[in-house]
Amino acid sequence: MKFLFNFILLFFVISMPFKVFAQEEILIGLIPEQNIFRQMERYRPLASYLSEKAGVKIKLTILSRYGDIVERFVSRSLDGAFFDSLTGAMAITRLGVEPMARPVNLDGKSTVRSYIFVRTDSKINSVTDMKGKKVVFVDRATATGYLFAVAFLHENSIQDINRYFNEYFFTGSHDSAIYSVLDNRADIGSAQDTIFNMLVSKDPTIKRELRIIAQSEELPETTLCLRKSISSKIKTRITDILLHMNEDPAGKGILKKFGAVKFIRAETGDFNSVFNLARRAQIN
């Protein structure tokens, strides 16, 4: 009788799907680059594709504020996140996450830049012209929506933005910062070029109404980073799917919706430019 019971138990164990014993769900955080509904709309097809190909459910969650993304990564027990350049650098340093892959945009670049911009009819052409004006940033924890602007100002002898500007405020997302200047709620704005260009592609009048007066060096595009403790097999599987999805007709369709031509492998060294920018901005 005992033999029969053990045999039945063994048969049951062998018959169960592999994923019962593996990690059944991967929870991935998304940074608030733009309106959360647009952000989910952009990433959800990619998550579904990865889930189907990897045989593990990829679940998405929005990290609503840049400023506490690293803390929320821990408190929500996330397995990974699509980090922007600064939050990625912070997560690598503080959490030891591993960069896996990042997208190559439709323009063939896998990097982003920060834009400082004004309205076309503005008389602001230099840092001197910015004195006493109203400025909009995205968040202190963004390279393209704050850090570059601070470095740029420091290199032009402006050390205290509290005294130099009449007012400055944060919107929490790049698209909101852009619209703030468009709608005359701010004189000067700082935001990421990919979001700027995405909005222009949907509404070409934006390009005529806004003028870029400064831009940063190239920084790494939004990068998928996973925590070290995840199974190496799962990490390899997810990365391989991303790296080769441009070779799959279904994958190409997902990439087109996402706004990329392919994914490439990401490395910790990609973030050296971010650490350099932080030093220039005199931020640890």
C-alpha atoms as a PDB file:
ATOM      1  CA  MET A   1       0.000   0.000   0.000  1.00  0.00           C
ATOM      2  CA  LYS A   2       2.836   2.371   0.874  1.00  0.00           C
ATOM      3  CA  PHE A   3       4.533   1.548  -2.439  1.00  0.00           C
ATOM      4  CA  LEU A   4       1.312   2.327  -4.323  1.00  0.00           C
ATOM      5  CA  PHE A   5       0.936   5.656  -2.503  1.00  0.00           C
ATOM      6  CA  ASN A   6       4.537   6.663  -3.282  1.00  0.00           C
ATOM      7  CA  PHE A   7       4.069   5.669  -6.936  1.00  0.00           C
ATOM      8  CA  ILE A   8       0.907   7.795  -7.258  1.00  0.00           C
ATOM      9  CA  LEU A   9       2.625  10.738  -5.549  1.00  0.00           C
ATOM     10  CA  LEU A  10       5.640  10.452  -7.869  1.00  0.00           C
ATOM     11  CA  PHE A  11       3.351  10.320 -10.929  1.00  0.00           C
ATOM     12  CA  PHE A  12       1.503  13.427  -9.705  1.00  0.00           C
ATOM     13  CA  VAL A  13       4.752  15.345  -9.145  1.00  0.00           C
ATOM     14  CA  ILE A  14       6.132  14.447 -12.583  1.00  0.00           C
ATOM     15  CA  SER A  15       2.864  15.422 -14.262  1.00  0.00           C
ATOM     16  CA  MET A  16       2.678  18.905 -12.735  1.00  0.00           C
ATOM     17  CA  PRO A  17       3.728  21.830 -14.956  1.00  0.00           C
ATOM     18  CA  PHE A  18       7.309  22.930 -14.507  1.00  0.00           C
ATOM     19  CA  LYS A  19       6.328  26.489 -13.615  1.00  0.00           C
ATOM     20  CA  VAL A  20       4.693  25.303 -10.382  1.00  0.00           C
ATOM     21  CA  PHE A  21       8.207  24.627  -9.110  1.00  0.00           C
ATOM     22  CA  ALA A  22       9.747  27.601 -10.811  1.00  0.00           C
ATOM     23  CA  GLN A  23       8.923  31.233 -10.208  1.00  0.00           C
ATOM     24  CA  GLU A  24       5.348  31.560 -11.472  1.00  0.00           C
ATOM     25  CA  GLU A  25       5.220  35.339 -11.733  1.00  0.00           C
ATOM     26  CA  ILE A  26       7.685  38.124 -12.451  1.00  0.00           C
ATOM     27  CA  LEU A  27       6.646  41.542 -11.141  1.00  0.00           C
ATOM     28  CA  ILE A  28       8.108  44.368 -13.222  1.00  0.00           C
ATOM     29  CA  GLY A  29       7.902  48.042 -12.304  1.00  0.00           C
ATOM     30  CA  LEU A  30       7.422  50.861 -14.809  1.00  0.00           C
ATOM     31  CA  ILE A  31       8.706  54.389 -14.301  1.00  0.00           C
ATOM     32  CA  PRO A  32       6.246  57.273 -14.843  1.00  0.00           C
ATOM     33  CA  GLU A  33       7.805  58.591 -18.079  1.00  0.00           C
ATOM     34  CA  GLN A  34       4.385  59.725 -19.250  1.00  0.00           C
ATOM     35  CA  ASN A  35       0.721  59.497 -18.292  1.00  0.00           C
ATOM     36  CA  ILE A  36       0.274  56.149 -16.476  1.00  0.00           C
ATOM     37  CA  PHE A  37      -2.462  55.014 -18.858  1.00  0.00           C
ATOM     38  CA  ARG A  38      -0.243  55.635 -21.888  1.00  0.00           C
ATOM     39  CA  GLN A  39       2.638  53.936 -20.111  1.00  0.00           C
ATOM     40  CA  MET A  40       0.610  50.786 -19.426  1.00  0.00           C
ATOM     41  CA  GLU A  41      -0.764  50.865 -22.966  1.00  0.00           C
ATOM     42  CA  ARG A  42       2.792  50.901 -24.283  1.00  0.00           C
ATOM     43  CA  TYR A  43       4.212  48.115 -22.092  1.00  0.00           C
ATOM     44  CA  ARG A  44       1.267  45.723 -21.730  1.00  0.00           C
ATOM     45  CA  PRO A  45       1.654  44.072 -25.201  1.00  0.00           C
ATOM     46  CA  LEU A  46       5.368  43.565 -24.502  1.00  0.00           C
ATOM     47  CA  ALA A  47       4.594  41.926 -21.139  1.00  0.00           C
ATOM     48  CA  SER A  48       2.035  39.613 -22.776  1.00  0.00           C
ATOM     49  CA  TYR A  49       4.555  38.607 -25.438  1.00  0.00           C
ATOM     50  CA  LEU A  50       7.221  37.853 -22.824  1.00  0.00           C
ATOM     51  CA  SER A  51       4.729  35.878 -20.728  1.00  0.00           C
ATOM     52  CA  GLU A  52       3.762  33.697 -23.681  1.00  0.00           C
ATOM     53  CA  LYS A  53       7.317  33.069 -24.858  1.00  0.00           C
ATOM     54  CA  ALA A  54       8.938  32.615 -21.438  1.00  0.00           C
ATOM     55  CA  GLY A  55       6.180  30.491 -19.915  1.00  0.00           C
ATOM     56  CA  VAL A  56       6.050  32.721 -16.846  1.00  0.00           C
ATOM     57  CA  LYS A  57       3.523  35.467 -16.126  1.00  0.00           C
ATOM     58  CA  ILE A  58       4.970  38.951 -16.436  1.00  0.00           C
ATOM     59  CA  LYS A  59       2.963  41.357 -14.282  1.00  0.00           C
ATOM     60  CA  LEU A  60       3.371  45.133 -14.542  1.00  0.00           C
ATOM     61  CA  THR A  61       3.007  47.778 -11.864  1.00  0.00           C
ATOM     62  CA  ILE A  62       3.454  51.539 -12.139  1.00  0.00           C
ATOM     63  CA  LEU A  63       5.981  53.163  -9.826  1.00  0.00           C
ATOM     64  CA  SER A  64       4.143  56.450  -9.466  1.00  0.00           C
ATOM     65  CA  ARG A  65       7.022  58.674  -8.331  1.00  0.00           C
ATOM     66  CA  TYR A  66      10.626  58.796  -9.535  1.00  0.00           C
ATOM     67  CA  GLY A  67      11.848  59.974  -6.146  1.00  0.00           C
ATOM     68  CA  ASP A  68      11.094  56.771  -4.221  1.00  0.00           C
ATOM     69  CA  ILE A  69      11.455  54.171  -6.979  1.00  0.00           C
ATOM     70  CA  VAL A  70      14.386  52.384  -5.320  1.00  0.00           C
ATOM     71  CA  GLU A  71      12.523  52.186  -1.995  1.00  0.00           C
ATOM     72  CA  ARG A  72       9.331  50.967  -3.678  1.00  0.00           C
ATOM     73  CA  PHE A  73      11.292  48.343  -5.585  1.00  0.00           C
ATOM     74  CA  VAL A  74      12.130  46.811  -2.213  1.00  0.00           C
ATOM     75  CA  SER A  75       8.807  47.424  -0.427  1.00  0.00           C
ATOM     76  CA  ARG A  76       6.761  45.944  -3.279  1.00  0.00           C
ATOM     77  CA  SER A  77       9.141  42.973  -3.636  1.00  0.00           C
ATOM     78  CA  LEU A  78       9.665  43.672  -7.324  1.00  0.00           C
ATOM     79  CA  ASP A  79      11.642  41.278  -9.483  1.00  0.00           C
ATOM     80  CA  GLY A  80      12.742  43.957 -11.899  1.00  0.00           C
ATOM     81  CA  ALA A  81      11.904  47.271 -13.501  1.00  0.00           C
ATOM     82  CA  PHE A  82      12.297  49.274 -16.662  1.00  0.00           C
ATOM     83  CA  PHE A  83      14.496  51.983 -15.137  1.00  0.00           C
ATOM     84  CA  ASP A  84      15.459  55.255 -16.749  1.00  0.00           C
ATOM     85  CA  SER A  85      19.120  56.259 -16.753  1.00  0.00           C
ATOM     86  CA  LEU A  86      19.304  57.825 -13.268  1.00  0.00           C
ATOM     87  CA  THR A  87      17.016  55.424 -11.391  1.00  0.00           C
ATOM     88  CA  GLY A  88      18.843  52.572 -13.133  1.00  0.00           C
ATOM     89  CA  ALA A  89      22.190  53.874 -11.915  1.00  0.00           C
ATOM     90  CA  MET A  90      20.752  54.249  -8.396  1.00  0.00           C
ATOM     91  CA  ALA A  91      19.278  50.727  -8.428  1.00  0.00           C
ATOM     92  CA  ILE A  92      22.540  49.206  -9.661  1.00  0.00           C
ATOM     93  CA  THR A  93      24.488  50.965  -6.908  1.00  0.00           C
ATOM     94  CA  ARG A  94      22.043  50.469  -4.018  1.00  0.00           C
ATOM     95  CA  LEU A  95      20.253  47.224  -4.892  1.00  0.00           C
ATOM     96  CA  GLY A  96      22.748  45.396  -7.074  1.00  0.00           C
ATOM     97  CA  VAL A  97      20.227  44.811  -9.872  1.00  0.00           C
ATOM     98  CA  GLU A  98      21.549  43.539 -13.188  1.00  0.00           C
ATOM     99  CA  PRO A  99      20.939  45.398 -16.481  1.00  0.00           C
ATOM    100  CA  MET A 100      19.514  42.970 -19.059  1.00  0.00           C
ATOM    101  CA  ALA A 101      18.357  44.767 -22.202  1.00  0.00           C
ATOM    102  CA  ARG A 102      17.301  48.129 -23.541  1.00  0.00           C
ATOM    103  CA  PRO A 103      15.399  49.164 -26.690  1.00  0.00           C
ATOM    104  CA  VAL A 104      16.758  50.622 -29.894  1.00  0.00           C
ATOM    105  CA  ASN A 105      14.394  53.409 -30.857  1.00  0.00           C
ATOM    106  CA  LEU A 106      12.894  53.977 -34.302  1.00  0.00           C
ATOM    107  CA  ASP A 107      15.697  56.451 -35.059  1.00  0.00           C
ATOM    108  CA  GLY A 108      18.248  53.656 -34.566  1.00  0.00           C
ATOM    109  CA  LYS A 109      19.522  54.919 -31.197  1.00  0.00           C
ATOM    110  CA  SER A 110      19.514  53.095 -27.864  1.00  0.00           C
ATOM    111  CA  THR A 111      20.266  56.279 -25.969  1.00  0.00           C
ATOM    112  CA  VAL A 112      18.323  59.349 -24.865  1.00  0.00           C
ATOM    113  CA  ARG A 113      19.104  63.009 -24.301  1.00  0.00           C
ATOM    114  CA  SER A 114      17.743  65.706 -22.064  1.00  0.00           C
ATOM    115  CA  TYR A 115      16.211  68.725 -23.771  1.00  0.00           C
ATOM    116  CA  ILE A 116      15.941  72.180 -22.251  1.00  0.00           C
ATOM    117  CA  PHE A 117      13.268  74.024 -24.191  1.00  0.00           C
ATOM    118  CA  VAL A 118      11.195  77.200 -24.344  1.00  0.00           C
ATOM    119  CA  ARG A 119       8.308  78.436 -26.440  1.00  0.00           C
ATOM    120  CA  THR A 120       9.247  79.516 -29.964  1.00  0.00           C
ATOM    121  CA  ASP A 121       8.059  83.060 -29.290  1.00  0.00           C
ATOM    122  CA  SER A 122      10.148  83.280 -26.101  1.00  0.00           C
ATOM    123  CA  LYS A 123      13.063  85.718 -25.894  1.00  0.00           C
ATOM    124  CA  ILE A 124      15.034  83.217 -23.802  1.00  0.00           C
ATOM    125  CA  ASN A 125      18.187  82.161 -25.659  1.00  0.00           C
ATOM    126  CA  SER A 126      20.769  81.752 -22.911  1.00  0.00           C
ATOM    127  CA  VAL A 127      21.165  81.080 -19.196  1.00  0.00           C
ATOM    128  CA  THR A 128      21.350  84.832 -18.604  1.00  0.00           C
ATOM    129  CA  ASP A 129      17.877  85.198 -20.127  1.00  0.00           C
ATOM    130  CA  MET A 130      16.515  82.578 -17.709  1.00  0.00           C
ATOM    131  CA  LYS A 131      16.972  84.730 -14.606  1.00  0.00           C
ATOM    132  CA  GLY A 132      13.711  85.354 -12.762  1.00  0.00           C
ATOM    133  CA  LYS A 133      11.742  82.964 -14.968  1.00  0.00           C
ATOM    134  CA  LYS A 134       9.480  80.026 -14.116  1.00  0.00           C
ATOM    135  CA  VAL A 135      10.936  76.565 -14.751  1.00  0.00           C
ATOM    136  CA  VAL A 136       9.372  73.116 -14.888  1.00  0.00           C
ATOM    137  CA  PHE A 137      11.255  69.882 -14.168  1.00  0.00           C
ATOM    138  CA  VAL A 138      10.080  66.270 -14.130  1.00  0.00           C
ATOM    139  CA  ASP A 139      11.523  64.942 -10.867  1.00  0.00           C
ATOM    140  CA  ARG A 140      14.783  65.279  -8.932  1.00  0.00           C
ATOM    141  CA  ALA A 141      15.412  61.568  -9.555  1.00  0.00           C
ATOM    142  CA  THR A 142      15.543  61.925 -13.362  1.00  0.00           C
ATOM    143  CA  ALA A 143      18.656  62.544 -15.431  1.00  0.00           C
ATOM    144  CA  THR A 144      16.803  63.940 -18.434  1.00  0.00           C
ATOM    145  CA  GLY A 145      14.144  65.810 -16.484  1.00  0.00           C
ATOM    146  CA  TYR A 146      16.351  67.464 -13.851  1.00  0.00           C
ATOM    147  CA  LEU A 147      19.962  66.303 -13.440  1.00  0.00           C
ATOM    148  CA  PHE A 148      21.256  67.600 -16.785  1.00  0.00           C
ATOM    149  CA  ALA A 149      19.544  70.955 -16.281  1.00  0.00           C
ATOM    150  CA  VAL A 150      21.260  71.365 -12.900  1.00  0.00           C
ATOM    151  CA  ALA A 151      24.650  70.391 -14.384  1.00  0.00           C
ATOM    152  CA  PHE A 152      24.088  72.801 -17.281  1.00  0.00           C
ATOM    153  CA  LEU A 153      23.279  75.642 -14.890  1.00  0.00           C
ATOM    154  CA  HIS A 154      26.273  74.875 -12.654  1.00  0.00           C
ATOM    155  CA  GLU A 155      28.570  74.952 -15.666  1.00  0.00           C
ATOM    156  CA  ASN A 156      27.144  78.377 -16.467  1.00  0.00           C
ATOM    157  CA  SER A 157      27.939  79.672 -12.962  1.00  0.00           C
ATOM    158  CA  ILE A 158      24.410  79.231 -11.535  1.00  0.00           C
ATOM    159  CA  GLN A 159      24.800  77.381  -8.234  1.00  0.00           C
ATOM    160  CA  ASP A 160      21.509  78.211  -6.497  1.00  0.00           C
ATOM    161  CA  ILE A 161      18.356  77.715  -8.577  1.00  0.00           C
ATOM    162  CA  ASN A 162      16.204  78.844  -5.638  1.00  0.00           C
ATOM    163  CA  ARG A 163      17.583  82.357  -5.993  1.00  0.00           C
ATOM    164  CA  TYR A 164      18.076  82.437  -9.744  1.00  0.00           C
ATOM    165  CA  PHE A 165      14.538  81.503 -10.794  1.00  0.00           C
ATOM    166  CA  ASN A 166      11.333  83.187  -9.736  1.00  0.00           C
ATOM    167  CA  GLU A 167       9.760  79.735  -9.341  1.00  0.00           C
ATOM    168  CA  TYR A 168      10.293  76.103 -10.299  1.00  0.00           C
ATOM    169  CA  PHE A 169       8.104  73.038  -9.933  1.00  0.00           C
ATOM    170  CA  PHE A 170       7.965  69.325 -10.741  1.00  0.00           C
ATOM    171  CA  THR A 171       5.293  67.564 -12.804  1.00  0.00           C
ATOM    172  CA  GLY A 172       6.220  63.913 -12.199  1.00  0.00           C
ATOM    173  CA  SER A 173       6.242  62.956 -15.895  1.00  0.00           C
ATOM    174  CA  HIS A 174       8.004  64.135 -19.049  1.00  0.00           C
ATOM    175  CA  ASP A 175       4.873  64.722 -21.105  1.00  0.00           C
ATOM    176  CA  SER A 176       3.372  66.900 -18.367  1.00  0.00           C
ATOM    177  CA  ALA A 177       6.549  68.996 -18.241  1.00  0.00           C
ATOM    178  CA  ILE A 178       6.367  69.543 -22.000  1.00  0.00           C
ATOM    179  CA  TYR A 179       2.707  70.519 -21.864  1.00  0.00           C
ATOM    180  CA  SER A 180       3.439  72.935 -19.013  1.00  0.00           C
ATOM    181  CA  VAL A 181       5.629  75.029 -21.321  1.00  0.00           C
ATOM    182  CA  LEU A 182       3.224  74.629 -24.234  1.00  0.00           C
ATOM    183  CA  ASP A 183       0.367  75.921 -22.071  1.00  0.00           C
ATOM    184  CA  ASN A 184       2.400  78.859 -20.711  1.00  0.00           C
ATOM    185  CA  ARG A 185       2.436  77.480 -17.167  1.00  0.00           C
ATOM    186  CA  ALA A 186       6.238  77.642 -17.297  1.00  0.00           C
ATOM    187  CA  ASP A 187       8.789  79.620 -19.311  1.00  0.00           C
ATOM    188  CA  ILE A 188      11.430  76.894 -19.479  1.00  0.00           C
ATOM    189  CA  GLY A 189      11.213  73.108 -19.336  1.00  0.00           C
ATOM    190  CA  SER A 190      13.444  70.064 -19.112  1.00  0.00           C
ATOM    191  CA  ALA A 191      12.392  66.635 -20.394  1.00  0.00           C
ATOM    192  CA  GLN A 192      13.517  63.539 -22.288  1.00  0.00           C
ATOM    193  CA  ASP A 193      13.951  63.704 -26.060  1.00  0.00           C
ATOM    194  CA  THR A 194      12.127  60.430 -26.787  1.00  0.00           C
ATOM    195  CA  ILE A 195       8.953  61.633 -25.059  1.00  0.00           C
ATOM    196  CA  PHE A 196       9.315  65.029 -26.730  1.00  0.00           C
ATOM    197  CA  ASN A 197       9.660  63.377 -30.150  1.00  0.00           C
ATOM    198  CA  MET A 198       6.793  60.974 -29.444  1.00  0.00           C
ATOM    199  CA  LEU A 199       4.484  63.893 -28.715  1.00  0.00           C
ATOM    200  CA  VAL A 200       5.693  65.683 -31.855  1.00  0.00           C
ATOM    201  CA  SER A 201       4.931  62.602 -33.974  1.00  0.00           C
ATOM    202  CA  LYS A 202       1.353  62.698 -32.697  1.00  0.00           C
ATOM    203  CA  ASP A 203       1.022  66.485 -32.906  1.00  0.00           C
ATOM    204  CA  PRO A 204       3.533  68.160 -35.297  1.00  0.00           C
ATOM    205  CA  THR A 205       2.470  71.619 -34.126  1.00  0.00           C
ATOM    206  CA  ILE A 206       4.466  71.019 -30.921  1.00  0.00           C
ATOM    207  CA  LYS A 207       7.710  71.201 -32.907  1.00  0.00           C
ATOM    208  CA  ARG A 208       6.680  74.608 -34.237  1.00  0.00           C
ATOM    209  CA  GLU A 209       5.628  75.896 -30.829  1.00  0.00           C
ATOM    210  CA  LEU A 210       8.672  74.779 -28.800  1.00  0.00           C
ATOM    211  CA  ARG A 211      12.359  75.532 -29.313  1.00  0.00           C
ATOM    212  CA  ILE A 212      15.249  73.478 -27.891  1.00  0.00           C
ATOM    213  CA  ILE A 213      18.021  75.653 -26.446  1.00  0.00           C
ATOM    214  CA  ALA A 214      20.263  72.972 -24.888  1.00  0.00           C
ATOM    215  CA  GLN A 215      20.644  69.203 -24.901  1.00  0.00           C
ATOM    216  CA  SER A 216      22.667  66.673 -22.942  1.00  0.00           C
ATOM    217  CA  GLU A 217      25.138  64.044 -24.006  1.00  0.00           C
ATOM    218  CA  GLU A 218      23.760  60.579 -24.783  1.00  0.00           C
ATOM    219  CA  LEU A 219      22.491  58.580 -21.805  1.00  0.00           C
ATOM    220  CA  PRO A 220      21.228  54.966 -21.725  1.00  0.00           C
ATOM    221  CA  GLU A 221      17.638  54.414 -22.849  1.00  0.00           C
ATOM    222  CA  THR A 222      15.127  52.895 -20.409  1.00  0.00           C
ATOM    223  CA  THR A 223      16.688  49.589 -19.341  1.00  0.00           C
ATOM    224  CA  LEU A 224      15.183  46.375 -18.022  1.00  0.00           C
ATOM    225  CA  CYS A 225      17.044  45.450 -14.834  1.00  0.00           C
ATOM    226  CA  LEU A 226      16.375  42.302 -12.796  1.00  0.00           C
ATOM    227  CA  ARG A 227      17.371  41.465  -9.243  1.00  0.00           C
ATOM    228  CA  LYS A 228      20.310  39.103  -8.849  1.00  0.00           C
ATOM    229  CA  SER A 229      18.370  36.493  -6.869  1.00  0.00           C
ATOM    230  CA  ILE A 230      16.111  35.597  -9.801  1.00  0.00           C
ATOM    231  CA  SER A 231      16.932  32.249 -11.381  1.00  0.00           C
ATOM    232  CA  SER A 232      19.677  32.648 -13.972  1.00  0.00           C
ATOM    233  CA  LYS A 233      17.612  30.489 -16.335  1.00  0.00           C
ATOM    234  CA  ILE A 234      14.675  32.895 -16.143  1.00  0.00           C
ATOM    235  CA  LYS A 235      16.932  35.932 -16.586  1.00  0.00           C
ATOM    236  CA  THR A 236      18.613  34.361 -19.597  1.00  0.00           C
ATOM    237  CA  ARG A 237      15.285  33.296 -21.089  1.00  0.00           C
ATOM    238  CA  ILE A 238      13.699  36.758 -20.759  1.00  0.00           C
ATOM    239  CA  THR A 239      16.798  38.483 -22.119  1.00  0.00           C
ATOM    240  CA  ASP A 240      17.084  36.119 -25.088  1.00  0.00           C
ATOM    241  CA  ILE A 241      13.417  36.661 -25.983  1.00  0.00           C
ATOM    242  CA  LEU A 242      13.936  40.431 -25.971  1.00  0.00           C
ATOM    243  CA  LEU A 243      17.151  40.238 -27.994  1.00  0.00           C
ATOM    244  CA  HIS A 244      15.601  38.068 -30.707  1.00  0.00           C
ATOM    245  CA  MET A 245      12.003  39.291 -30.870  1.00  0.00           C
ATOM    246  CA  ASN A 246      12.812  41.393 -33.951  1.00  0.00           C
ATOM    247  CA  GLU A 247      13.398  38.089 -35.799  1.00  0.00           C
ATOM    248  CA  ASP A 248       9.838  36.936 -35.049  1.00  0.00           C
ATOM    249  CA  PRO A 249       6.904  38.379 -37.080  1.00  0.00           C
ATOM    250  CA  ALA A 250       4.750  38.620 -33.941  1.00  0.00           C
ATOM    251  CA  GLY A 251       7.660  40.169 -32.068  1.00  0.00           C
ATOM    252  CA  LYS A 252       8.138  42.776 -34.788  1.00  0.00           C
ATOM    253  CA  GLY A 253       4.511  43.804 -34.409  1.00  0.00           C
ATOM    254  CA  ILE A 254       4.925  44.224 -30.655  1.00  0.00           C
ATOM    255  CA  LEU A 255       8.105  46.243 -31.160  1.00  0.00           C
ATOM    256  CA  LYS A 256       6.338  48.549 -33.601  1.00  0.00           C
ATOM    257  CA  LYS A 257       3.608  49.251 -31.031  1.00  0.00           C
ATOM    258  CA  PHE A 258       6.281  49.778 -28.392  1.00  0.00           C
ATOM    259  CA  GLY A 259       8.155  52.260 -30.585  1.00  0.00           C
ATOM    260  CA  ALA A 260      11.382  50.307 -31.063  1.00  0.00           C
ATOM    261  CA  VAL A 261      13.120  48.297 -33.780  1.00  0.00           C
ATOM    262  CA  LYS A 262      14.781  45.809 -31.424  1.00  0.00           C
ATOM    263  CA  PHE A 263      16.348  45.287 -27.999  1.00  0.00           C
ATOM    264  CA  ILE A 264      20.079  45.097 -27.356  1.00  0.00           C
ATOM    265  CA  ARG A 265      22.043  43.721 -24.412  1.00  0.00           C
ATOM    266  CA  ALA A 266      22.602  46.171 -21.546  1.00  0.00           C
ATOM    267  CA  GLU A 267      25.588  46.352 -19.205  1.00  0.00           C
ATOM    268  CA  THR A 268      26.500  48.181 -16.016  1.00  0.00           C
ATOM    269  CA  GLY A 269      29.115  50.183 -17.926  1.00  0.00           C
ATOM    270  CA  ASP A 270      26.327  51.791 -19.958  1.00  0.00           C
ATOM    271  CA  PHE A 271      25.560  53.947 -16.919  1.00  0.00           C
ATOM    272  CA  ASN A 272      29.016  55.547 -16.610  1.00  0.00           C
ATOM    273  CA  SER A 273      27.721  58.633 -18.425  1.00  0.00           C
ATOM    274  CA  VAL A 274      25.022  59.000 -15.758  1.00  0.00           C
ATOM    275  CA  PHE A 275      27.520  58.858 -12.892  1.00  0.00           C
ATOM    276  CA  ASN A 276      29.617  61.463 -14.716  1.00  0.00           C
ATOM    277  CA  LEU A 277      26.570  63.714 -15.135  1.00  0.00           C
ATOM    278  CA  ALA A 278      25.783  63.411 -11.412  1.00  0.00           C
ATOM    279  CA  ARG A 279      29.323  64.550 -10.581  1.00  0.00           C
ATOM    280  CA  ARG A 280      28.915  67.548 -12.897  1.00  0.00           C
ATOM    281  CA  ALA A 281      25.654  68.411 -11.146  1.00  0.00           C
ATOM    282  CA  GLN A 282      27.460  68.014  -7.797  1.00  0.00           C
ATOM    283  CA  ILE A 283      24.945  65.388  -6.696  1.00  0.00           C
ATOM    284  CA  ASN A 284      26.044  62.208  -4.924  1.00  0.00           C
END
